């Protein structure tokens, strides 16, 4: 996870399927000026995966 600055844009990711897990979340979490603040999904398996891959969101 990139370090957070008070001017970072906090982003919530809605959905954690293929695109969310392999493209959107990694891109957001490694882009300077962005912070992956939350991941929302209704799939319990993906909730667990998101917690492991992006702790603190």
N, C-alpha and C. Protein backbone atom coordinates (compact mmCIF):
# COMPACT_ATOMS: atom_id res chain seq x y z
N UNK A 1 0.84 -1.17 0.00
CA UNK A 1 0.00 0.00 0.00
C UNK A 1 0.89 1.24 0.00
N UNK A 2 0.55 2.23 -0.81
CA UNK A 2 1.30 3.48 -0.86
C UNK A 2 1.04 4.27 0.42
N UNK A 3 1.99 5.13 0.80
CA UNK A 3 1.79 5.94 2.00
C UNK A 3 0.71 6.99 1.74
N UNK A 4 -0.04 7.31 2.80
CA UNK A 4 -1.16 8.24 2.66
C UNK A 4 -0.73 9.65 3.03
N UNK A 5 -1.19 10.59 2.25
CA UNK A 5 -0.98 12.01 2.48
C UNK A 5 -2.36 12.61 2.74
N UNK A 6 -2.43 13.68 3.51
CA UNK A 6 -3.74 14.27 3.81
C UNK A 6 -4.44 14.80 2.57
N UNK A 7 -3.71 14.99 1.48
CA UNK A 7 -4.34 15.47 0.25
C UNK A 7 -4.74 14.33 -0.69
N UNK A 8 -4.50 13.08 -0.27
CA UNK A 8 -4.88 11.94 -1.10
C UNK A 8 -6.39 11.89 -1.30
N UNK A 9 -6.81 11.46 -2.47
CA UNK A 9 -8.22 11.23 -2.75
C UNK A 9 -8.55 9.83 -2.25
N UNK A 10 -9.53 9.74 -1.36
CA UNK A 10 -9.94 8.45 -0.81
C UNK A 10 -11.01 7.85 -1.71
N UNK A 11 -10.80 6.61 -2.14
CA UNK A 11 -11.68 5.98 -3.11
C UNK A 11 -12.28 4.71 -2.52
N UNK A 12 -13.59 4.53 -2.75
CA UNK A 12 -14.28 3.29 -2.39
C UNK A 12 -14.51 2.51 -3.68
N UNK A 13 -14.13 1.27 -3.68
CA UNK A 13 -14.30 0.39 -4.83
C UNK A 13 -15.56 -0.44 -4.62
N UNK A 14 -16.51 -0.30 -5.54
CA UNK A 14 -17.76 -1.04 -5.47
C UNK A 14 -17.64 -2.25 -6.39
N UNK A 15 -17.59 -3.42 -5.81
CA UNK A 15 -17.43 -4.66 -6.57
C UNK A 15 -15.98 -5.12 -6.53
N UNK A 16 -15.79 -6.41 -6.31
CA UNK A 16 -14.45 -6.97 -6.22
C UNK A 16 -14.39 -8.28 -6.98
N UNK A 17 -14.87 -8.23 -8.22
CA UNK A 17 -14.77 -9.38 -9.11
C UNK A 17 -13.41 -9.37 -9.79
N UNK A 18 -13.36 -9.92 -10.99
CA UNK A 18 -12.09 -10.01 -11.71
C UNK A 18 -11.46 -8.63 -11.93
N UNK A 19 -12.22 -7.70 -12.51
CA UNK A 19 -11.66 -6.37 -12.80
C UNK A 19 -11.28 -5.62 -11.52
N UNK A 20 -12.13 -5.71 -10.51
CA UNK A 20 -11.85 -5.02 -9.26
C UNK A 20 -10.62 -5.55 -8.56
N UNK A 21 -10.44 -6.87 -8.59
CA UNK A 21 -9.33 -7.47 -7.85
C UNK A 21 -8.00 -7.43 -8.58
N UNK A 22 -8.01 -7.55 -9.91
CA UNK A 22 -6.73 -7.59 -10.62
C UNK A 22 -6.37 -6.30 -11.33
N UNK A 23 -7.32 -5.38 -11.47
CA UNK A 23 -7.02 -4.13 -12.16
C UNK A 23 -7.26 -2.91 -11.28
N UNK A 24 -8.53 -2.68 -10.91
CA UNK A 24 -8.88 -1.44 -10.23
C UNK A 24 -8.22 -1.27 -8.86
N UNK A 25 -8.34 -2.26 -7.98
CA UNK A 25 -7.77 -2.13 -6.63
C UNK A 25 -6.25 -1.95 -6.66
N UNK A 26 -5.51 -2.77 -7.42
CA UNK A 26 -4.06 -2.56 -7.46
C UNK A 26 -3.67 -1.20 -8.05
N UNK A 27 -4.39 -0.77 -9.08
CA UNK A 27 -4.10 0.53 -9.69
C UNK A 27 -4.33 1.66 -8.70
N UNK A 28 -5.47 1.64 -8.03
CA UNK A 28 -5.80 2.70 -7.06
C UNK A 28 -4.79 2.70 -5.91
N UNK A 29 -4.46 1.53 -5.39
CA UNK A 29 -3.60 1.47 -4.20
C UNK A 29 -2.14 1.82 -4.50
N UNK A 30 -1.73 1.80 -5.76
CA UNK A 30 -0.34 2.14 -6.09
C UNK A 30 -0.19 3.48 -6.80
N UNK A 31 -1.29 4.18 -7.04
CA UNK A 31 -1.23 5.47 -7.72
C UNK A 31 -1.01 6.58 -6.70
N UNK A 32 0.05 7.37 -6.86
CA UNK A 32 0.27 8.49 -5.95
C UNK A 32 -0.93 9.44 -5.96
N UNK A 33 -1.33 9.88 -4.78
CA UNK A 33 -2.46 10.80 -4.67
C UNK A 33 -3.80 10.11 -4.50
N UNK A 34 -3.80 8.78 -4.52
CA UNK A 34 -5.04 8.01 -4.32
C UNK A 34 -4.86 7.07 -3.15
N UNK A 35 -5.95 6.84 -2.42
CA UNK A 35 -5.95 5.87 -1.33
C UNK A 35 -7.17 4.98 -1.48
N UNK A 36 -6.96 3.67 -1.50
CA UNK A 36 -8.07 2.72 -1.53
C UNK A 36 -8.64 2.67 -0.11
N UNK A 37 -9.75 3.36 0.10
CA UNK A 37 -10.30 3.53 1.45
C UNK A 37 -11.28 2.43 1.83
N UNK A 38 -11.97 1.85 0.84
CA UNK A 38 -12.96 0.81 1.14
C UNK A 38 -13.21 -0.04 -0.09
N UNK A 39 -13.54 -1.30 0.16
CA UNK A 39 -13.96 -2.22 -0.90
C UNK A 39 -15.30 -2.80 -0.46
N UNK A 40 -16.28 -2.72 -1.35
CA UNK A 40 -17.62 -3.20 -1.05
C UNK A 40 -17.96 -4.34 -2.01
N UNK A 41 -18.35 -5.48 -1.46
CA UNK A 41 -18.81 -6.61 -2.26
C UNK A 41 -19.77 -7.44 -1.44
N UNK A 42 -20.73 -8.04 -2.10
CA UNK A 42 -21.69 -8.89 -1.42
C UNK A 42 -21.26 -10.34 -1.35
N UNK A 43 -20.14 -10.68 -1.96
CA UNK A 43 -19.65 -12.05 -2.01
C UNK A 43 -18.70 -12.29 -0.83
N UNK A 44 -19.08 -13.20 0.07
CA UNK A 44 -18.29 -13.44 1.30
C UNK A 44 -16.87 -13.89 1.00
N UNK A 45 -16.69 -14.72 -0.03
CA UNK A 45 -15.34 -15.16 -0.38
C UNK A 45 -14.48 -13.99 -0.83
N UNK A 46 -15.08 -13.08 -1.57
CA UNK A 46 -14.33 -11.91 -2.06
C UNK A 46 -14.06 -10.91 -0.95
N UNK A 47 -14.93 -10.87 0.05
CA UNK A 47 -14.67 -10.02 1.22
C UNK A 47 -13.38 -10.50 1.89
N UNK A 48 -13.27 -11.80 2.10
CA UNK A 48 -12.06 -12.36 2.72
C UNK A 48 -10.83 -12.08 1.86
N UNK A 49 -10.94 -12.25 0.55
CA UNK A 49 -9.82 -11.99 -0.34
C UNK A 49 -9.41 -10.52 -0.29
N UNK A 50 -10.39 -9.62 -0.33
CA UNK A 50 -10.09 -8.19 -0.28
C UNK A 50 -9.39 -7.82 1.03
N UNK A 51 -9.81 -8.40 2.13
CA UNK A 51 -9.17 -8.13 3.43
C UNK A 51 -7.72 -8.60 3.45
N UNK A 52 -7.47 -9.75 2.82
CA UNK A 52 -6.09 -10.27 2.78
C UNK A 52 -5.21 -9.45 1.84
N UNK A 53 -5.75 -9.07 0.70
CA UNK A 53 -4.96 -8.37 -0.32
C UNK A 53 -4.78 -6.89 0.00
N UNK A 54 -5.75 -6.29 0.69
CA UNK A 54 -5.71 -4.85 0.96
C UNK A 54 -6.09 -4.59 2.42
N UNK A 55 -5.24 -4.99 3.35
CA UNK A 55 -5.56 -4.78 4.77
C UNK A 55 -5.72 -3.29 5.07
N UNK A 56 -6.66 -2.99 5.93
CA UNK A 56 -6.88 -1.60 6.31
C UNK A 56 -7.94 -0.91 5.49
N UNK A 57 -8.51 -1.60 4.49
CA UNK A 57 -9.58 -0.97 3.70
C UNK A 57 -10.92 -1.40 4.20
